[in-house]
mmCIF file of all heavy atoms, coordinates in Angstrom:
data_MODEL
# 
_entry.id   MODEL 
# 
loop_
_atom_site.group_PDB 
_atom_site.id 
_atom_site.type_symbol 
_atom_site.label_atom_id 
_atom_site.label_alt_id 
_atom_site.label_comp_id 
_atom_site.label_asym_id 
_atom_site.label_entity_id 
_atom_site.label_seq_id 
_atom_site.pdbx_PDB_ins_code 
_atom_site.Cartn_x 
_atom_site.Cartn_y 
_atom_site.Cartn_z 
_atom_site.occupancy 
_atom_site.B_iso_or_equiv 
_atom_site.pdbx_formal_charge 
_atom_site.auth_seq_id 
_atom_site.auth_comp_id 
_atom_site.auth_asym_id 
_atom_site.auth_atom_id 
_atom_site.pdbx_PDB_model_num 
ATOM 1   N N   . ASN A 1 1  ? 103.059 94.793  112.010 1.00 0.00 ? 1  ASN A N   1 
ATOM 2   C CA  . ASN A 1 1  ? 104.001 95.916  111.997 1.00 0.00 ? 1  ASN A CA  1 
ATOM 3   C C   . ASN A 1 1  ? 103.484 97.153  112.709 1.00 0.00 ? 1  ASN A C   1 
ATOM 4   O O   . ASN A 1 1  ? 104.269 97.990  113.118 1.00 0.00 ? 1  ASN A O   1 
ATOM 5   C CB  . ASN A 1 1  ? 104.361 96.274  110.549 1.00 0.00 ? 1  ASN A CB  1 
ATOM 6   C CG  . ASN A 1 1  ? 105.117 95.152  109.870 1.00 0.00 ? 1  ASN A CG  1 
ATOM 7   O OD1 . ASN A 1 1  ? 105.804 94.368  110.504 1.00 0.00 ? 1  ASN A OD1 1 
ATOM 8   N ND2 . ASN A 1 1  ? 104.971 95.053  108.556 1.00 0.00 ? 1  ASN A ND2 1 
ATOM 9   N N   . GLU A 1 2  ? 102.179 97.270  112.815 1.00 0.00 ? 2  GLU A N   1 
ATOM 10  C CA  . GLU A 1 2  ? 101.585 98.411  113.515 1.00 0.00 ? 2  GLU A CA  1 
ATOM 11  C C   . GLU A 1 2  ? 100.920 97.879  114.776 1.00 0.00 ? 2  GLU A C   1 
ATOM 12  O O   . GLU A 1 2  ? 99.771  97.467  114.751 1.00 0.00 ? 2  GLU A O   1 
ATOM 13  C CB  . GLU A 1 2  ? 100.535 99.104  112.643 1.00 0.00 ? 2  GLU A CB  1 
ATOM 14  C CG  . GLU A 1 2  ? 101.085 99.721  111.383 1.00 0.00 ? 2  GLU A CG  1 
ATOM 15  C CD  . GLU A 1 2  ? 99.994  100.314 110.506 1.00 0.00 ? 2  GLU A CD  1 
ATOM 16  O OE1 . GLU A 1 2  ? 98.867  100.555 111.009 1.00 0.00 ? 2  GLU A OE1 1 
ATOM 17  O OE2 . GLU A 1 2  ? 100.260 100.507 109.315 1.00 0.00 ? 2  GLU A OE2 1 
ATOM 18  N N   . GLY A 1 3  ? 101.644 97.860  115.858 1.00 0.00 ? 3  GLY A N   1 
ATOM 19  C CA  . GLY A 1 3  ? 101.141 97.288  117.097 1.00 0.00 ? 3  GLY A CA  1 
ATOM 20  C C   . GLY A 1 3  ? 99.829  97.879  117.577 1.00 0.00 ? 3  GLY A C   1 
ATOM 21  O O   . GLY A 1 3  ? 99.090  97.250  118.333 1.00 0.00 ? 3  GLY A O   1 
ATOM 22  N N   . SER A 1 4  ? 99.507  99.076  117.125 1.00 0.00 ? 4  SER A N   1 
ATOM 23  C CA  . SER A 1 4  ? 98.278  99.722  117.573 1.00 0.00 ? 4  SER A CA  1 
ATOM 24  C C   . SER A 1 4  ? 97.078  99.420  116.665 1.00 0.00 ? 4  SER A C   1 
ATOM 25  O O   . SER A 1 4  ? 95.945  99.771  117.005 1.00 0.00 ? 4  SER A O   1 
ATOM 26  C CB  . SER A 1 4  ? 98.477  101.237 117.646 1.00 0.00 ? 4  SER A CB  1 
ATOM 27  O OG  . SER A 1 4  ? 98.802  101.733 116.357 1.00 0.00 ? 4  SER A OG  1 
ATOM 28  N N   . LYS A 1 5  ? 97.309  98.759  115.533 1.00 0.00 ? 5  LYS A N   1 
ATOM 29  C CA  . LYS A 1 5  ? 96.214  98.468  114.596 1.00 0.00 ? 5  LYS A CA  1 
ATOM 30  C C   . LYS A 1 5  ? 95.268  97.451  115.227 1.00 0.00 ? 5  LYS A C   1 
ATOM 31  O O   . LYS A 1 5  ? 95.677  96.383  115.665 1.00 0.00 ? 5  LYS A O   1 
ATOM 32  C CB  . LYS A 1 5  ? 96.754  97.939  113.277 1.00 0.00 ? 5  LYS A CB  1 
ATOM 33  C CG  . LYS A 1 5  ? 95.658  97.658  112.241 1.00 0.00 ? 5  LYS A CG  1 
ATOM 34  C CD  . LYS A 1 5  ? 96.260  97.239  110.920 1.00 0.00 ? 5  LYS A CD  1 
ATOM 35  C CE  . LYS A 1 5  ? 95.226  96.834  109.917 1.00 0.00 ? 5  LYS A CE  1 
ATOM 36  N NZ  . LYS A 1 5  ? 94.601  97.915  109.197 1.00 0.00 ? 5  LYS A NZ  1 
ATOM 37  N N   . GLU A 1 6  ? 93.982  97.762  115.266 1.00 0.00 ? 6  GLU A N   1 
ATOM 38  C CA  . GLU A 1 6  ? 92.992  96.860  115.838 1.00 0.00 ? 6  GLU A CA  1 
ATOM 39  C C   . GLU A 1 6  ? 91.912  96.469  114.850 1.00 0.00 ? 6  GLU A C   1 
ATOM 40  O O   . GLU A 1 6  ? 91.200  95.493  115.073 1.00 0.00 ? 6  GLU A O   1 
ATOM 41  C CB  . GLU A 1 6  ? 92.339  97.505  117.064 1.00 0.00 ? 6  GLU A CB  1 
ATOM 42  C CG  . GLU A 1 6  ? 93.296  97.703  118.219 1.00 0.00 ? 6  GLU A CG  1 
ATOM 43  C CD  . GLU A 1 6  ? 92.635  98.319  119.427 1.00 0.00 ? 6  GLU A CD  1 
ATOM 44  O OE1 . GLU A 1 6  ? 91.390  98.432  119.455 1.00 0.00 ? 6  GLU A OE1 1 
ATOM 45  O OE2 . GLU A 1 6  ? 93.363  98.695  120.354 1.00 0.00 ? 6  GLU A OE2 1 
ATOM 46  N N   . ASN A 1 7  ? 91.775  97.243  113.770 1.00 0.00 ? 7  ASN A N   1 
ATOM 47  C CA  . ASN A 1 7  ? 90.684  97.002  112.833 1.00 0.00 ? 7  ASN A CA  1 
ATOM 48  C C   . ASN A 1 7  ? 91.179  97.006  111.393 1.00 0.00 ? 7  ASN A C   1 
ATOM 49  O O   . ASN A 1 7  ? 92.164  97.658  111.063 1.00 0.00 ? 7  ASN A O   1 
ATOM 50  C CB  . ASN A 1 7  ? 89.608  98.091  112.977 1.00 0.00 ? 7  ASN A CB  1 
ATOM 51  C CG  . ASN A 1 7  ? 88.992  98.094  114.357 1.00 0.00 ? 7  ASN A CG  1 
ATOM 52  O OD1 . ASN A 1 7  ? 88.533  97.070  114.831 1.00 0.00 ? 7  ASN A OD1 1 
ATOM 53  N ND2 . ASN A 1 7  ? 89.011  99.247  114.997 1.00 0.00 ? 7  ASN A ND2 1 
ATOM 54  N N   . ILE A 1 8  ? 90.446  96.282  110.579 1.00 0.00 ? 8  ILE A N   1 
ATOM 55  C CA  . ILE A 1 8  ? 90.698  96.278  109.147 1.00 0.00 ? 8  ILE A CA  1 
ATOM 56  C C   . ILE A 1 8  ? 90.005  97.508  108.567 1.00 0.00 ? 8  ILE A C   1 
ATOM 57  O O   . ILE A 1 8  ? 88.852  97.796  108.910 1.00 0.00 ? 8  ILE A O   1 
ATOM 58  C CB  . ILE A 1 8  ? 90.144  94.992  108.513 1.00 0.00 ? 8  ILE A CB  1 
ATOM 59  C CG1 . ILE A 1 8  ? 90.830  93.772  109.138 1.00 0.00 ? 8  ILE A CG1 1 
ATOM 60  C CG2 . ILE A 1 8  ? 90.311  94.996  107.008 1.00 0.00 ? 8  ILE A CG2 1 
ATOM 61  C CD1 . ILE A 1 8  ? 90.206  92.468  108.753 1.00 0.00 ? 8  ILE A CD1 1 
ATOM 62  N N   . SER A 1 9  ? 90.695  98.208  107.703 1.00 0.00 ? 9  SER A N   1 
ATOM 63  C CA  . SER A 1 9  ? 90.109  99.424  107.119 1.00 0.00 ? 9  SER A CA  1 
ATOM 64  C C   . SER A 1 9  ? 89.009  99.059  106.126 1.00 0.00 ? 9  SER A C   1 
ATOM 65  O O   . SER A 1 9  ? 88.956  97.939  105.619 1.00 0.00 ? 9  SER A O   1 
ATOM 66  C CB  . SER A 1 9  ? 91.193  100.251 106.421 1.00 0.00 ? 9  SER A CB  1 
ATOM 67  O OG  . SER A 1 9  ? 91.610  99.593  105.236 1.00 0.00 ? 9  SER A OG  1 
ATOM 68  N N   . ASN A 1 10 ? 88.162  100.033 105.848 1.00 0.00 ? 10 ASN A N   1 
ATOM 69  C CA  . ASN A 1 10 ? 87.118  99.833  104.831 1.00 0.00 ? 10 ASN A CA  1 
ATOM 70  C C   . ASN A 1 10 ? 87.737  99.506  103.479 1.00 0.00 ? 10 ASN A C   1 
ATOM 71  O O   . ASN A 1 10 ? 87.222  98.667  102.742 1.00 0.00 ? 10 ASN A O   1 
ATOM 72  C CB  . ASN A 1 10 ? 86.231  101.079 104.720 1.00 0.00 ? 10 ASN A CB  1 
ATOM 73  C CG  . ASN A 1 10 ? 85.322  101.234 105.918 1.00 0.00 ? 10 ASN A CG  1 
ATOM 74  O OD1 . ASN A 1 10 ? 84.992  100.269 106.593 1.00 0.00 ? 10 ASN A OD1 1 
ATOM 75  N ND2 . ASN A 1 10 ? 84.923  102.469 106.180 1.00 0.00 ? 10 ASN A ND2 1 
ATOM 76  N N   . GLU A 1 11 ? 88.852  100.164 103.161 1.00 0.00 ? 11 GLU A N   1 
ATOM 77  C CA  . GLU A 1 11 ? 89.529  99.912  101.889 1.00 0.00 ? 11 GLU A CA  1 
ATOM 78  C C   . GLU A 1 11 ? 90.013  98.470  101.808 1.00 0.00 ? 11 GLU A C   1 
ATOM 79  O O   . GLU A 1 11 ? 89.908  97.824  100.766 1.00 0.00 ? 11 GLU A O   1 
ATOM 80  C CB  . GLU A 1 11 ? 90.712  100.879 101.704 1.00 0.00 ? 11 GLU A CB  1 
ATOM 81  C CG  . GLU A 1 11 ? 90.309  102.327 101.514 1.00 0.00 ? 11 GLU A CG  1 
ATOM 82  C CD  . GLU A 1 11 ? 89.963  103.039 102.845 1.00 0.00 ? 11 GLU A CD  1 
ATOM 83  O OE1 . GLU A 1 11 ? 90.339  102.542 103.933 1.00 0.00 ? 11 GLU A OE1 1 
ATOM 84  O OE2 . GLU A 1 11 ? 89.290  104.075 102.768 1.00 0.00 ? 11 GLU A OE2 1 
ATOM 85  N N   . GLU A 1 12 ? 90.556  97.960  102.915 1.00 0.00 ? 12 GLU A N   1 
ATOM 86  C CA  . GLU A 1 12 ? 91.024  96.571  102.937 1.00 0.00 ? 12 GLU A CA  1 
ATOM 87  C C   . GLU A 1 12 ? 89.861  95.595  102.774 1.00 0.00 ? 12 GLU A C   1 
ATOM 88  O O   . GLU A 1 12 ? 89.973  94.598  102.053 1.00 0.00 ? 12 GLU A O   1 
ATOM 89  C CB  . GLU A 1 12 ? 91.782  96.287  104.239 1.00 0.00 ? 12 GLU A CB  1 
ATOM 90  C CG  . GLU A 1 12 ? 93.116  97.009  104.326 1.00 0.00 ? 12 GLU A CG  1 
ATOM 91  C CD  . GLU A 1 12 ? 93.727  96.997  105.705 1.00 0.00 ? 12 GLU A CD  1 
ATOM 92  O OE1 . GLU A 1 12 ? 92.980  97.004  106.722 1.00 0.00 ? 12 GLU A OE1 1 
ATOM 93  O OE2 . GLU A 1 12 ? 94.967  96.997  105.796 1.00 0.00 ? 12 GLU A OE2 1 
ATOM 94  N N   . MET A 1 13 ? 88.734  95.874  103.409 1.00 0.00 ? 13 MET A N   1 
ATOM 95  C CA  . MET A 1 13 ? 87.565  95.004  103.278 1.00 0.00 ? 13 MET A CA  1 
ATOM 96  C C   . MET A 1 13 ? 87.024  95.034  101.848 1.00 0.00 ? 13 MET A C   1 
ATOM 97  O O   . MET A 1 13 ? 86.615  94.006  101.315 1.00 0.00 ? 13 MET A O   1 
ATOM 98  C CB  . MET A 1 13 ? 86.465  95.391  104.268 1.00 0.00 ? 13 MET A CB  1 
ATOM 99  C CG  . MET A 1 13 ? 86.762  95.018  105.717 1.00 0.00 ? 13 MET A CG  1 
ATOM 100 S SD  . MET A 1 13 ? 87.123  93.258  105.992 1.00 0.00 ? 13 MET A SD  1 
ATOM 101 C CE  . MET A 1 13 ? 85.604  92.483  105.480 1.00 0.00 ? 13 MET A CE  1 
ATOM 102 N N   . ILE A 1 14 ? 87.043  96.204  101.225 1.00 0.00 ? 14 ILE A N   1 
ATOM 103 C CA  . ILE A 1 14 ? 86.604  96.315  99.829  1.00 0.00 ? 14 ILE A CA  1 
ATOM 104 C C   . ILE A 1 14 ? 87.517  95.490  98.936  1.00 0.00 ? 14 ILE A C   1 
ATOM 105 O O   . ILE A 1 14 ? 87.060  94.764  98.050  1.00 0.00 ? 14 ILE A O   1 
ATOM 106 C CB  . ILE A 1 14 ? 86.543  97.795  99.385  1.00 0.00 ? 14 ILE A CB  1 
ATOM 107 C CG1 . ILE A 1 14 ? 85.374  98.494  100.090 1.00 0.00 ? 14 ILE A CG1 1 
ATOM 108 C CG2 . ILE A 1 14 ? 86.443  97.915  97.865  1.00 0.00 ? 14 ILE A CG2 1 
ATOM 109 C CD1 . ILE A 1 14 ? 85.377  100.008 99.967  1.00 0.00 ? 14 ILE A CD1 1 
ATOM 110 N N   . GLU A 1 15 ? 88.817  95.596  99.168  1.00 0.00 ? 15 GLU A N   1 
ATOM 111 C CA  . GLU A 1 15 ? 89.785  94.826  98.375  1.00 0.00 ? 15 GLU A CA  1 
ATOM 112 C C   . GLU A 1 15 ? 89.551  93.318  98.534  1.00 0.00 ? 15 GLU A C   1 
ATOM 113 O O   . GLU A 1 15 ? 89.531  92.581  97.551  1.00 0.00 ? 15 GLU A O   1 
ATOM 114 C CB  . GLU A 1 15 ? 91.217  95.194  98.790  1.00 0.00 ? 15 GLU A CB  1 
ATOM 115 C CG  . GLU A 1 15 ? 92.289  94.603  97.914  1.00 0.00 ? 15 GLU A CG  1 
ATOM 116 C CD  . GLU A 1 15 ? 92.266  95.100  96.473  1.00 0.00 ? 15 GLU A CD  1 
ATOM 117 O OE1 . GLU A 1 15 ? 91.828  96.235  96.217  1.00 0.00 ? 15 GLU A OE1 1 
ATOM 118 O OE2 . GLU A 1 15 ? 92.682  94.327  95.601  1.00 0.00 ? 15 GLU A OE2 1 
ATOM 119 N N   . LEU A 1 16 ? 89.345  92.861  99.763  1.00 0.00 ? 16 LEU A N   1 
ATOM 120 C CA  . LEU A 1 16 ? 89.059  91.443  99.998  1.00 0.00 ? 16 LEU A CA  1 
ATOM 121 C C   . LEU A 1 16 ? 87.733  91.043  99.351  1.00 0.00 ? 16 LEU A C   1 
ATOM 122 O O   . LEU A 1 16 ? 87.605  89.940  98.819  1.00 0.00 ? 16 LEU A O   1 
ATOM 123 C CB  . LEU A 1 16 ? 89.017  91.138  101.497 1.00 0.00 ? 16 LEU A CB  1 
ATOM 124 C CG  . LEU A 1 16 ? 90.350  91.161  102.228 1.00 0.00 ? 16 LEU A CG  1 
ATOM 125 C CD1 . LEU A 1 16 ? 90.130  91.038  103.727 1.00 0.00 ? 16 LEU A CD1 1 
ATOM 126 C CD2 . LEU A 1 16 ? 91.270  90.060  101.725 1.00 0.00 ? 16 LEU A CD2 1 
ATOM 127 N N   . GLY A 1 17 ? 86.767  91.928  99.400  1.00 0.00 ? 17 GLY A N   1 
ATOM 128 C CA  . GLY A 1 17 ? 85.446  91.636  98.849  1.00 0.00 ? 17 GLY A CA  1 
ATOM 129 C C   . GLY A 1 17 ? 85.425  91.448  97.349  1.00 0.00 ? 17 GLY A C   1 
ATOM 130 O O   . GLY A 1 17 ? 84.476  90.881  96.806  1.00 0.00 ? 17 GLY A O   1 
ATOM 131 N N   . LYS A 1 18 ? 86.482  91.880  96.675  1.00 0.00 ? 18 LYS A N   1 
ATOM 132 C CA  . LYS A 1 18 ? 86.549  91.720  95.210  1.00 0.00 ? 18 LYS A CA  1 
ATOM 133 C C   . LYS A 1 18 ? 86.500  90.260  94.791  1.00 0.00 ? 18 LYS A C   1 
ATOM 134 O O   . LYS A 1 18 ? 86.123  89.955  93.666  1.00 0.00 ? 18 LYS A O   1 
ATOM 135 C CB  . LYS A 1 18 ? 87.803  92.391  94.656  1.00 0.00 ? 18 LYS A CB  1 
ATOM 136 C CG  . LYS A 1 18 ? 87.738  93.898  94.694  1.00 0.00 ? 18 LYS A CG  1 
ATOM 137 C CD  . LYS A 1 18 ? 89.008  94.518  94.148  1.00 0.00 ? 18 LYS A CD  1 
ATOM 138 C CE  . LYS A 1 18 ? 88.940  96.031  94.213  1.00 0.00 ? 18 LYS A CE  1 
ATOM 139 N NZ  . LYS A 1 18 ? 90.203  96.656  93.766  1.00 0.00 ? 18 LYS A NZ  1 
ATOM 140 N N   . ILE A 1 19 ? 86.871  89.354  95.694  1.00 0.00 ? 19 ILE A N   1 
ATOM 141 C CA  . ILE A 1 19 ? 86.836  87.928  95.356  1.00 0.00 ? 19 ILE A CA  1 
ATOM 142 C C   . ILE A 1 19 ? 85.412  87.505  94.998  1.00 0.00 ? 19 ILE A C   1 
ATOM 143 O O   . ILE A 1 19 ? 85.206  86.618  94.188  1.00 0.00 ? 19 ILE A O   1 
ATOM 144 C CB  . ILE A 1 19 ? 87.422  87.050  96.489  1.00 0.00 ? 19 ILE A CB  1 
ATOM 145 C CG1 . ILE A 1 19 ? 87.544  85.582  96.047  1.00 0.00 ? 19 ILE A CG1 1 
ATOM 146 C CG2 . ILE A 1 19 ? 86.590  87.112  97.751  1.00 0.00 ? 19 ILE A CG2 1 
ATOM 147 C CD1 . ILE A 1 19 ? 88.518  85.330  94.954  1.00 0.00 ? 19 ILE A CD1 1 
ATOM 148 N N   . SER A 1 20 ? 84.422  88.157  95.586  1.00 0.00 ? 20 SER A N   1 
ATOM 149 C CA  . SER A 1 20 ? 83.037  87.758  95.336  1.00 0.00 ? 20 SER A CA  1 
ATOM 150 C C   . SER A 1 20 ? 82.615  88.002  93.886  1.00 0.00 ? 20 SER A C   1 
ATOM 151 O O   . SER A 1 20 ? 81.671  87.395  93.400  1.00 0.00 ? 20 SER A O   1 
ATOM 152 C CB  . SER A 1 20 ? 82.086  88.481  96.282  1.00 0.00 ? 20 SER A CB  1 
ATOM 153 O OG  . SER A 1 20 ? 82.040  89.863  95.989  1.00 0.00 ? 20 SER A OG  1 
ATOM 154 N N   . ILE A 1 21 ? 83.337  88.861  93.192  1.00 0.00 ? 21 ILE A N   1 
ATOM 155 C CA  . ILE A 1 21 ? 83.020  89.170  91.797  1.00 0.00 ? 21 ILE A CA  1 
ATOM 156 C C   . ILE A 1 21 ? 83.510  88.058  90.871  1.00 0.00 ? 21 ILE A C   1 
ATOM 157 O O   . ILE A 1 21 ? 82.926  87.799  89.826  1.00 0.00 ? 21 ILE A O   1 
ATOM 158 C CB  . ILE A 1 21 ? 83.650  90.517  91.390  1.00 0.00 ? 21 ILE A CB  1 
ATOM 159 C CG1 . ILE A 1 21 ? 83.079  91.638  92.255  1.00 0.00 ? 21 ILE A CG1 1 
ATOM 160 C CG2 . ILE A 1 21 ? 83.470  90.805  89.913  1.00 0.00 ? 21 ILE A CG2 1 
ATOM 161 C CD1 . ILE A 1 21 ? 83.845  92.937  92.161  1.00 0.00 ? 21 ILE A CD1 1 
ATOM 162 N N   . THR A 1 22 ? 84.571  87.383  91.268  1.00 0.00 ? 22 THR A N   1 
ATOM 163 C CA  . THR A 1 22 ? 85.230  86.439  90.369  1.00 0.00 ? 22 THR A CA  1 
ATOM 164 C C   . THR A 1 22 ? 84.999  84.971  90.684  1.00 0.00 ? 22 THR A C   1 
ATOM 165 O O   . THR A 1 22 ? 85.433  84.119  89.917  1.00 0.00 ? 22 THR A O   1 
ATOM 166 C CB  . THR A 1 22 ? 86.752  86.695  90.376  1.00 0.00 ? 22 THR A CB  1 
ATOM 167 O OG1 . THR A 1 22 ? 87.236  86.562  91.714  1.00 0.00 ? 22 THR A OG1 1 
ATOM 168 C CG2 . THR A 1 22 ? 87.080  88.063  89.825  1.00 0.00 ? 22 THR A CG2 1 
ATOM 169 N N   . VAL A 1 23 ? 84.329  84.668  91.781  1.00 0.00 ? 23 VAL A N   1 
ATOM 170 C CA  . VAL A 1 23 ? 84.189  83.259  92.162  1.00 0.00 ? 23 VAL A CA  1 
ATOM 171 C C   . VAL A 1 23 ? 83.277  82.496  91.215  1.00 0.00 ? 23 VAL A C   1 
ATOM 172 O O   . VAL A 1 23 ? 82.341  83.044  90.649  1.00 0.00 ? 23 VAL A O   1 
ATOM 173 C CB  . VAL A 1 23 ? 83.663  83.085  93.615  1.00 0.00 ? 23 VAL A CB  1 
ATOM 174 C CG1 . VAL A 1 23 ? 84.657  83.584  94.610  1.00 0.00 ? 23 VAL A CG1 1 
ATOM 175 C CG2 . VAL A 1 23 ? 82.322  83.726  93.796  1.00 0.00 ? 23 VAL A CG2 1 
ATOM 176 N N   . LYS A 1 24 ? 83.586  81.217  91.076  1.00 0.00 ? 24 LYS A N   1 
ATOM 177 C CA  . LYS A 1 24 ? 82.765  80.324  90.277  1.00 0.00 ? 24 LYS A CA  1 
ATOM 178 C C   . LYS A 1 24 ? 81.729  79.641  91.163  1.00 0.00 ? 24 LYS A C   1 
ATOM 179 O O   . LYS A 1 24 ? 80.833  78.984  90.670  1.00 0.00 ? 24 LYS A O   1 
ATOM 180 C CB  . LYS A 1 24 ? 83.642  79.253  89.630  1.00 0.00 ? 24 LYS A CB  1 
ATOM 181 C CG  . LYS A 1 24 ? 84.638  79.791  88.645  1.00 0.00 ? 24 LYS A CG  1 
ATOM 182 C CD  . LYS A 1 24 ? 85.521  78.677  88.141  1.00 0.00 ? 24 LYS A CD  1 
ATOM 183 C CE  . LYS A 1 24 ? 86.639  79.244  87.291  1.00 0.00 ? 24 LYS A CE  1 
ATOM 184 N NZ  . LYS A 1 24 ? 87.613  78.224  86.915  1.00 0.00 ? 24 LYS A NZ  1 
# 
């Protein structure tokens, strides 16, 4: 939706990184 977006934000990476807390 944002044609100019080229990078994932730090906030988005932090949100994705939360999976590491819950993995078995």
